[in-house]
Amino acid sequence: MITGTIVGAVALLAAPSIASAHAGLLQPPPRTTDSLIGAPCGQGEVTGPRTVFEPGQTIQVQWEQYISHLGIFRLAFSPNDDEGFDDNVLATVDDDPAQQLYELEITLPSCTCDDCTLQLYQTPGSGGYYSCADIELRAPEGMSVPQCPQASVGDPEGGTTGDTSDESGGGDEADVDTDEEMGGGTGLGGSDDDGTSDDEESEDGGETPASRSASGCAFGPRSGSPGWLLTLLLAPSVRRRRRVG
């Protein structure tokens, strides 16, 4: 059986340096013991060999706190490239101001990976401190174990949205087309509900509102025609000629 590679001397030598931080891993051996500010693993780079465990193995995690904060400790797992910690939280522990040394058993995922990371995240009210251990999950010889699903980096732009104006029918233009098809509207240059103006009726020889009686019937000669006045003036002379003859 493959067991975790625990180096006690490394943890002891690391303690004075970790004291300059707020909290840090002791077991498994951390990637760095300083510069623990900044997600996801502080500012340390992967430089040493990885600690090897079996898939699904239960291990003892140990960390030390030097400056207490009200909040929690979170242990999380990344299958690759220090990604996917939020999707693989293994345990959370309340921050006890009176406690300095913490130990916790956790069970690792039942899959294989050669670029995985165990993360300790101290979460006070604001900000946070990170300590990571570089590990490998290696299956025993002859045992078939699936590979851990790869974590992907989220879209930094937050995704894009398509333009749905064409699908919705063009927005305001659709309303305008509807008004024209209905023949309505009373805006500038528009017409009444029947689509015909009073001026158009007059030009076509129809009745105007001024030539209608209360019953709606037309009476008298059409307004604007001088012929009726000339007829009245000539009527007496026509009668006189008839009497003389």
C-alpha atoms as a PDB file:
ATOM      1  CA  MET A   1       0.000   0.000   0.000  1.00  0.00           C
ATOM      2  CA  ILE A   2       1.240   3.474  -0.853  1.00  0.00           C
ATOM      3  CA  THR A   3       1.256   5.747   2.182  1.00  0.00           C
ATOM      4  CA  GLY A   4       1.627   9.477   2.494  1.00  0.00           C
ATOM      5  CA  THR A   5       5.179  10.725   2.577  1.00  0.00           C
ATOM      6  CA  ILE A   6       5.409  12.661   5.848  1.00  0.00           C
ATOM      7  CA  VAL A   7       8.632  14.422   6.696  1.00  0.00           C
ATOM      8  CA  GLY A   8       8.552  15.609  10.304  1.00  0.00           C
ATOM      9  CA  ALA A   9      11.838  17.467  10.028  1.00  0.00           C
ATOM     10  CA  VAL A  10      10.434  19.660   7.274  1.00  0.00           C
ATOM     11  CA  ALA A  11       7.488  20.652   9.440  1.00  0.00           C
ATOM     12  CA  LEU A  12       9.702  21.521  12.386  1.00  0.00           C
ATOM     13  CA  LEU A  13      12.087  23.579  10.292  1.00  0.00           C
ATOM     14  CA  ALA A  14       9.189  25.373   8.673  1.00  0.00           C
ATOM     15  CA  ALA A  15       7.598  26.499  11.929  1.00  0.00           C
ATOM     16  CA  PRO A  16       9.726  29.637  12.532  1.00  0.00           C
ATOM     17  CA  SER A  17       9.068  30.865   8.997  1.00  0.00           C
ATOM     18  CA  ILE A  18       5.337  30.144   9.225  1.00  0.00           C
ATOM     19  CA  ALA A  19       5.234  32.267  12.367  1.00  0.00           C
ATOM     20  CA  SER A  20       5.443  35.336  10.125  1.00  0.00           C
ATOM     21  CA  ALA A  21       2.125  34.290   8.540  1.00  0.00           C
ATOM     22  CA  HIS A  22      -1.295  33.802  10.154  1.00  0.00           C
ATOM     23  CA  ALA A  23      -1.660  30.044   9.638  1.00  0.00           C
ATOM     24  CA  GLY A  24      -0.072  27.336   7.528  1.00  0.00           C
ATOM     25  CA  LEU A  25      -0.018  23.645   6.759  1.00  0.00           C
ATOM     26  CA  LEU A  26       2.386  21.358   8.575  1.00  0.00           C
ATOM     27  CA  GLN A  27       1.266  17.997   7.142  1.00  0.00           C
ATOM     28  CA  PRO A  28       1.313  17.250   4.261  1.00  0.00           C
ATOM     29  CA  PRO A  29       4.407  19.405   3.712  1.00  0.00           C
ATOM     30  CA  PRO A  30       3.396  22.789   2.269  1.00  0.00           C
ATOM     31  CA  ARG A  31       4.532  24.267  -1.012  1.00  0.00           C
ATOM     32  CA  THR A  32       5.825  27.351   0.802  1.00  0.00           C
ATOM     33  CA  THR A  33       5.923  28.597   4.366  1.00  0.00           C
ATOM     34  CA  ASP A  34       5.852  32.293   3.587  1.00  0.00           C
ATOM     35  CA  SER A  35       3.909  34.766   1.445  1.00  0.00           C
ATOM     36  CA  LEU A  36       0.548  33.144   2.140  1.00  0.00           C
ATOM     37  CA  ILE A  37      -1.557  36.098   0.968  1.00  0.00           C
ATOM     38  CA  GLY A  38      -3.179  35.759  -2.437  1.00  0.00           C
ATOM     39  CA  ALA A  39      -5.438  33.114  -3.936  1.00  0.00           C
ATOM     40  CA  PRO A  40      -5.294  30.277  -4.474  1.00  0.00           C
ATOM     41  CA  CYS A  41      -2.020  29.239  -2.810  1.00  0.00           C
ATOM     42  CA  GLY A  42      -0.194  32.366  -1.767  1.00  0.00           C
ATOM     43  CA  GLN A  43       2.790  33.414  -3.823  1.00  0.00           C
ATOM     44  CA  GLY A  44       4.828  30.225  -3.713  1.00  0.00           C
ATOM     45  CA  GLU A  45       5.739  28.214  -6.797  1.00  0.00           C
ATOM     46  CA  VAL A  46       5.844  24.422  -7.110  1.00  0.00           C
ATOM     47  CA  THR A  47       9.504  23.513  -6.624  1.00  0.00           C
ATOM     48  CA  GLY A  48       9.747  20.238  -4.710  1.00  0.00           C
ATOM     49  CA  PRO A  49       8.482  16.667  -5.164  1.00  0.00           C
ATOM     50  CA  ARG A  50       4.834  15.907  -4.564  1.00  0.00           C
ATOM     51  CA  THR A  51       3.531  13.883  -1.633  1.00  0.00           C
ATOM     52  CA  VAL A  52       2.004  10.651  -2.947  1.00  0.00           C
ATOM     53  CA  PHE A  53      -1.265   9.168  -1.653  1.00  0.00           C
ATOM     54  CA  GLU A  54      -3.674   6.494  -2.832  1.00  0.00           C
ATOM     55  CA  PRO A  55      -7.050   7.425  -4.317  1.00  0.00           C
ATOM     56  CA  GLY A  56      -9.692   7.483  -1.569  1.00  0.00           C
ATOM     57  CA  GLN A  57      -7.092   7.330   1.206  1.00  0.00           C
ATOM     58  CA  THR A  58      -7.859   8.872   4.602  1.00  0.00           C
ATOM     59  CA  ILE A  59      -5.004  11.091   5.756  1.00  0.00           C
ATOM     60  CA  GLN A  60      -4.161  13.239   8.756  1.00  0.00           C
ATOM     61  CA  VAL A  61      -3.906  16.947   7.971  1.00  0.00           C
ATOM     62  CA  GLN A  62      -2.146  19.216  10.438  1.00  0.00           C
ATOM     63  CA  TRP A  63      -1.824  22.993  10.474  1.00  0.00           C
ATOM     64  CA  GLU A  64      -0.814  25.675  12.924  1.00  0.00           C
ATOM     65  CA  GLN A  65      -2.353  29.072  13.611  1.00  0.00           C
ATOM     66  CA  TYR A  66      -0.229  31.983  14.801  1.00  0.00           C
ATOM     67  CA  ILE A  67      -2.707  34.855  14.567  1.00  0.00           C
ATOM     68  CA  SER A  68      -6.340  34.062  15.299  1.00  0.00           C
ATOM     69  CA  HIS A  69      -9.242  35.374  13.220  1.00  0.00           C
ATOM     70  CA  LEU A  70     -12.948  34.946  13.671  1.00  0.00           C
ATOM     71  CA  GLY A  71     -13.979  32.724  10.792  1.00  0.00           C
ATOM     72  CA  ILE A  72     -13.291  29.206   9.546  1.00  0.00           C
ATOM     73  CA  PHE A  73     -10.613  27.017   8.034  1.00  0.00           C
ATOM     74  CA  ARG A  74     -11.469  25.289   4.778  1.00  0.00           C
ATOM     75  CA  LEU A  75      -9.708  22.270   3.294  1.00  0.00           C
ATOM     76  CA  ALA A  76     -10.243  21.834  -0.449  1.00  0.00           C
ATOM     77  CA  PHE A  77      -8.879  19.778  -3.327  1.00  0.00           C
ATOM     78  CA  SER A  78      -7.782  20.711  -6.840  1.00  0.00           C
ATOM     79  CA  PRO A  79      -7.331  17.992  -9.503  1.00  0.00           C
ATOM     80  CA  ASN A  80      -5.121  20.176 -11.709  1.00  0.00           C
ATOM     81  CA  ASP A  81      -3.442  23.564 -12.051  1.00  0.00           C
ATOM     82  CA  ASP A  82      -4.687  24.914  -8.699  1.00  0.00           C
ATOM     83  CA  GLU A  83      -8.210  25.107 -10.161  1.00  0.00           C
ATOM     84  CA  GLY A  84     -11.585  23.898  -8.902  1.00  0.00           C
ATOM     85  CA  PHE A  85     -11.069  24.334  -5.147  1.00  0.00           C
ATOM     86  CA  ASP A  86     -14.558  25.762  -4.643  1.00  0.00           C
ATOM     87  CA  ASP A  87     -16.079  22.668  -6.268  1.00  0.00           C
ATOM     88  CA  ASN A  88     -14.125  20.195  -4.115  1.00  0.00           C
ATOM     89  CA  VAL A  89     -14.391  21.274  -0.469  1.00  0.00           C
ATOM     90  CA  LEU A  90     -13.348  18.390   1.791  1.00  0.00           C
ATOM     91  CA  ALA A  91     -13.922  19.885   5.244  1.00  0.00           C
ATOM     92  CA  THR A  92     -14.468  23.092   7.216  1.00  0.00           C
ATOM     93  CA  VAL A  93     -13.346  23.800  10.782  1.00  0.00           C
ATOM     94  CA  ASP A  94     -14.315  26.705  13.022  1.00  0.00           C
ATOM     95  CA  ASP A  95     -11.484  29.027  14.030  1.00  0.00           C
ATOM     96  CA  ASP A  96     -10.937  28.702  17.790  1.00  0.00           C
ATOM     97  CA  PRO A  97      -8.996  31.697  19.187  1.00  0.00           C
ATOM     98  CA  ALA A  98      -7.691  29.539  22.039  1.00  0.00           C
ATOM     99  CA  GLN A  99      -6.374  26.817  19.733  1.00  0.00           C
ATOM    100  CA  GLN A 100      -3.034  26.924  17.952  1.00  0.00           C
ATOM    101  CA  LEU A 101      -2.501  23.425  16.550  1.00  0.00           C
ATOM    102  CA  TYR A 102      -5.189  21.749  14.437  1.00  0.00           C
ATOM    103  CA  GLU A 103      -5.409  18.126  13.275  1.00  0.00           C
ATOM    104  CA  LEU A 104      -8.121  16.626  11.097  1.00  0.00           C
ATOM    105  CA  GLU A 105      -8.664  13.380   9.210  1.00  0.00           C
ATOM    106  CA  ILE A 106      -9.940  13.787   5.665  1.00  0.00           C
ATOM    107  CA  THR A 107     -10.655  11.342   2.855  1.00  0.00           C
ATOM    108  CA  LEU A 108      -9.160  12.151  -0.510  1.00  0.00           C
ATOM    109  CA  PRO A 109     -11.135  11.701  -3.754  1.00  0.00           C
ATOM    110  CA  SER A 110     -11.237   8.209  -5.274  1.00  0.00           C
ATOM    111  CA  CYS A 111      -9.517   9.126  -8.515  1.00  0.00           C
ATOM    112  CA  THR A 112      -6.003   9.569  -9.844  1.00  0.00           C
ATOM    113  CA  CYS A 113      -4.108  12.776 -10.595  1.00  0.00           C
ATOM    114  CA  ASP A 114      -0.470  13.745 -10.901  1.00  0.00           C
ATOM    115  CA  ASP A 115      -0.922  17.517 -10.605  1.00  0.00           C
ATOM    116  CA  CYS A 116      -3.303  17.870  -7.662  1.00  0.00           C
ATOM    117  CA  THR A 117      -3.252  20.213  -4.681  1.00  0.00           C
ATOM    118  CA  LEU A 118      -4.568  20.241  -1.126  1.00  0.00           C
ATOM    119  CA  GLN A 119      -5.487  23.752   0.000  1.00  0.00           C
ATOM    120  CA  LEU A 120      -5.889  25.224   3.476  1.00  0.00           C
ATOM    121  CA  TYR A 121      -7.849  28.477   3.358  1.00  0.00           C
ATOM    122  CA  GLN A 122      -8.219  30.638   6.455  1.00  0.00           C
ATOM    123  CA  THR A 123     -11.283  32.828   5.966  1.00  0.00           C
ATOM    124  CA  PRO A 124     -11.619  35.757   8.360  1.00  0.00           C
ATOM    125  CA  GLY A 125     -14.239  38.462   7.905  1.00  0.00           C
ATOM    126  CA  SER A 126     -12.375  39.929   4.930  1.00  0.00           C
ATOM    127  CA  GLY A 127      -9.475  38.740   2.813  1.00  0.00           C
ATOM    128  CA  GLY A 128      -7.899  35.373   3.502  1.00  0.00           C
ATOM    129  CA  TYR A 129      -4.711  33.348   3.889  1.00  0.00           C
ATOM    130  CA  TYR A 130      -3.720  30.318   1.836  1.00  0.00           C
ATOM    131  CA  SER A 131      -1.399  27.363   2.349  1.00  0.00           C
ATOM    132  CA  CYS A 132      -1.144  24.541  -0.191  1.00  0.00           C
ATOM    133  CA  ALA A 133       0.435  21.105  -0.376  1.00  0.00           C
ATOM    134  CA  ASP A 134       1.328  19.603  -3.747  1.00  0.00           C
ATOM    135  CA  ILE A 135       0.195  15.979  -3.880  1.00  0.00           C
ATOM    136  CA  GLU A 136      -0.301  13.092  -6.289  1.00  0.00           C
ATOM    137  CA  LEU A 137      -3.039  10.449  -6.167  1.00  0.00           C
ATOM    138  CA  ARG A 138      -1.531   7.272  -7.582  1.00  0.00           C
ATOM    139  CA  ALA A 139      -3.369   3.953  -7.839  1.00  0.00           C
ATOM    140  CA  PRO A 140      -1.618   0.775  -6.625  1.00  0.00           C
ATOM    141  CA  GLU A 141      -0.180  -1.390  -9.373  1.00  0.00           C
ATOM    142  CA  GLY A 142      -2.801  -3.537 -11.040  1.00  0.00           C
ATOM    143  CA  MET A 143      -5.745  -1.457  -9.775  1.00  0.00           C
ATOM    144  CA  SER A 144      -7.881   0.432 -12.280  1.00  0.00           C
ATOM    145  CA  VAL A 145      -8.968   3.825 -10.947  1.00  0.00           C
ATOM    146  CA  PRO A 146     -10.517   6.599 -13.042  1.00  0.00           C
ATOM    147  CA  GLN A 147      -8.729   9.867 -13.512  1.00  0.00           C
ATOM    148  CA  CYS A 148     -10.017  12.888 -11.603  1.00  0.00           C
ATOM    149  CA  PRO A 149     -12.245  15.166 -13.716  1.00  0.00           C
ATOM    150  CA  GLN A 150     -10.237  18.125 -14.907  1.00  0.00           C
ATOM    151  CA  ALA A 151     -11.175  21.533 -13.532  1.00  0.00           C
ATOM    152  CA  SER A 152     -11.546  24.337 -16.056  1.00  0.00           C
ATOM    153  CA  VAL A 153     -10.926  28.033 -15.633  1.00  0.00           C
ATOM    154  CA  GLY A 154     -14.106  30.103 -15.468  1.00  0.00           C
ATOM    155  CA  ASP A 155     -14.880  32.671 -18.188  1.00  0.00           C
ATOM    156  CA  PRO A 156     -13.162  35.908 -16.992  1.00  0.00           C
ATOM    157  CA  GLU A 157     -15.630  38.008 -18.991  1.00  0.00           C
ATOM    158  CA  GLY A 158     -18.607  36.405 -17.347  1.00  0.00           C
ATOM    159  CA  GLY A 159     -19.984  35.056 -20.631  1.00  0.00           C
ATOM    160  CA  THR A 160     -21.580  36.809 -23.528  1.00  0.00           C
ATOM    161  CA  THR A 161     -25.166  37.371 -24.434  1.00  0.00           C
ATOM    162  CA  GLY A 162     -26.532  37.183 -27.951  1.00  0.00           C
ATOM    163  CA  ASP A 163     -28.498  39.944 -29.670  1.00  0.00           C
ATOM    164  CA  THR A 164     -32.144  38.922 -29.553  1.00  0.00           C
ATOM    165  CA  SER A 165     -33.575  42.008 -31.276  1.00  0.00           C
ATOM    166  CA  ASP A 166     -33.990  40.170 -34.593  1.00  0.00           C
ATOM    167  CA  GLU A 167     -35.730  37.259 -32.920  1.00  0.00           C
ATOM    168  CA  SER A 168     -38.185  39.567 -31.142  1.00  0.00           C
ATOM    169  CA  GLY A 169     -39.419  41.071 -34.397  1.00  0.00           C
ATOM    170  CA  GLY A 170     -37.430  44.289 -34.462  1.00  0.00           C
ATOM    171  CA  GLY A 171     -38.759  46.021 -31.369  1.00  0.00           C
ATOM    172  CA  ASP A 172     -40.485  49.374 -32.006  1.00  0.00           C
ATOM    173  CA  GLU A 173     -40.589  48.877 -35.771  1.00  0.00           C
ATOM    174  CA  ALA A 174     -43.101  46.093 -35.303  1.00  0.00           C
ATOM    175  CA  ASP A 175     -45.479  48.522 -33.524  1.00  0.00           C
ATOM    176  CA  VAL A 176     -45.198  51.050 -36.331  1.00  0.00           C
ATOM    177  CA  ASP A 177     -46.000  48.439 -38.958  1.00  0.00           C
ATOM    178  CA  THR A 178     -49.029  47.335 -36.988  1.00  0.00           C
ATOM    179  CA  ASP A 179     -50.455  50.871 -36.880  1.00  0.00           C
ATOM    180  CA  GLU A 180     -50.050  51.262 -40.627  1.00  0.00           C
ATOM    181  CA  GLU A 181     -51.778  47.979 -41.346  1.00  0.00           C
ATOM    182  CA  MET A 182     -54.699  48.911 -39.121  1.00  0.00           C
ATOM    183  CA  GLY A 183     -55.119  52.267 -40.888  1.00  0.00           C
ATOM    184  CA  GLY A 184     -55.303  54.078 -37.572  1.00  0.00           C
ATOM    185  CA  GLY A 185     -53.240  56.673 -35.814  1.00  0.00           C
ATOM    186  CA  THR A 186     -53.796  60.377 -35.247  1.00  0.00           C
ATOM    187  CA  GLY A 187     -50.245  61.637 -35.368  1.00  0.00           C
ATOM    188  CA  LEU A 188     -48.835  64.332 -37.597  1.00  0.00           C
ATOM    189  CA  GLY A 189     -49.725  63.529 -41.175  1.00  0.00           C
ATOM    190  CA  GLY A 190     -52.063  60.780 -40.011  1.00  0.00           C
ATOM    191  CA  SER A 191     -55.726  60.193 -40.715  1.00  0.00           C
ATOM    192  CA  ASP A 192     -58.936  59.473 -38.849  1.00  0.00           C
ATOM    193  CA  ASP A 193     -60.094  55.977 -38.076  1.00  0.00           C
ATOM    194  CA  ASP A 194     -61.656  55.480 -41.523  1.00  0.00           C
ATOM    195  CA  GLY A 195     -58.395  56.440 -43.187  1.00  0.00           C
ATOM    196  CA  THR A 196     -59.989  59.325 -45.197  1.00  0.00           C
ATOM    197  CA  SER A 197     -59.685  63.048 -44.440  1.00  0.00           C
ATOM    198  CA  ASP A 198     -62.452  65.661 -44.766  1.00  0.00           C
ATOM    199  CA  ASP A 199     -60.531  67.403 -47.553  1.00  0.00           C
ATOM    200  CA  GLU A 200     -60.484  64.227 -49.612  1.00  0.00           C
ATOM    201  CA  GLU A 201     -64.280  63.897 -49.302  1.00  0.00           C
ATOM    202  CA  SER A 202     -64.804  67.460 -50.524  1.00  0.00           C
ATOM    203  CA  GLU A 203     -62.582  66.958 -53.548  1.00  0.00           C
ATOM    204  CA  ASP A 204     -64.481  63.805 -54.489  1.00  0.00           C
ATOM    205  CA  GLY A 205     -67.779  65.677 -54.571  1.00  0.00           C
ATOM    206  CA  GLY A 206     -68.987  64.327 -51.286  1.00  0.00           C
ATOM    207  CA  GLU A 207     -70.689  66.160 -48.457  1.00  0.00           C
ATOM    208  CA  THR A 208     -68.853  68.379 -46.064  1.00  0.00           C
ATOM    209  CA  PRO A 209     -69.811  68.826 -42.423  1.00  0.00           C
ATOM    210  CA  ALA A 210     -71.005  72.400 -43.202  1.00  0.00           C
ATOM    211  CA  SER A 211     -73.591  71.177 -45.742  1.00  0.00           C
ATOM    212  CA  ARG A 212     -75.270  68.632 -43.470  1.00  0.00           C
ATOM    213  CA  SER A 213     -78.467  69.176 -41.440  1.00  0.00           C
ATOM    214  CA  ALA A 214     -79.022  67.829 -37.979  1.00  0.00           C
ATOM    215  CA  SER A 215     -80.493  64.705 -39.540  1.00  0.00           C
ATOM    216  CA  GLY A 216     -77.374  64.210 -41.613  1.00  0.00           C
ATOM    217  CA  CYS A 217     -79.015  65.137 -44.952  1.00  0.00           C
ATOM    218  CA  ALA A 218     -77.563  67.683 -47.387  1.00  0.00           C
ATOM    219  CA  PHE A 219     -79.476  70.871 -48.098  1.00  0.00           C
ATOM    220  CA  GLY A 220     -79.118  73.888 -50.424  1.00  0.00           C
ATOM    221  CA  PRO A 221     -76.527  74.426 -53.124  1.00  0.00           C
ATOM    222  CA  ARG A 222     -72.983  73.448 -52.487  1.00  0.00           C
ATOM    223  CA  SER A 223     -71.043  76.090 -50.667  1.00  0.00           C
ATOM    224  CA  GLY A 224     -68.321  77.752 -52.649  1.00  0.00           C
ATOM    225  CA  SER A 225     -70.352  77.665 -56.008  1.00  0.00           C
ATOM    226  CA  PRO A 226     -71.363  81.159 -57.461  1.00  0.00           C
ATOM    227  CA  GLY A 227     -73.958  79.714 -59.909  1.00  0.00           C
ATOM    228  CA  TRP A 228     -76.912  79.862 -57.511  1.00  0.00           C
ATOM    229  CA  LEU A 229     -76.505  83.603 -56.926  1.00  0.00           C
ATOM    230  CA  LEU A 230     -76.521  84.340 -60.679  1.00  0.00           C
ATOM    231  CA  THR A 231     -79.710  82.275 -61.091  1.00  0.00           C
ATOM    232  CA  LEU A 232     -81.576  84.355 -58.475  1.00  0.00           C
ATOM    233  CA  LEU A 233     -80.581  87.662 -60.111  1.00  0.00           C
ATOM    234  CA  LEU A 234     -81.747  86.633 -63.613  1.00  0.00           C
ATOM    235  CA  ALA A 235     -85.079  85.071 -62.556  1.00  0.00           C
ATOM    236  CA  PRO A 236     -87.213  88.371 -62.578  1.00  0.00           C
ATOM    237  CA  SER A 237     -86.083  89.302 -66.101  1.00  0.00           C
ATOM    238  CA  VAL A 238     -87.031  85.912 -67.435  1.00  0.00           C
ATOM    239  CA  ARG A 239     -90.511  86.275 -65.990  1.00  0.00           C
ATOM    240  CA  ARG A 240     -90.969  89.773 -67.524  1.00  0.00           C
ATOM    241  CA  ARG A 241     -90.051  88.558 -70.990  1.00  0.00           C
ATOM    242  CA  ARG A 242     -92.643  85.834 -70.764  1.00  0.00           C
ATOM    243  CA  ARG A 243     -95.385  88.400 -69.861  1.00  0.00           C
ATOM    244  CA  VAL A 244     -94.491  90.699 -72.728  1.00  0.00           C
ATOM    245  CA  GLY A 245     -94.693  87.934 -75.289  1.00  0.00           C
END
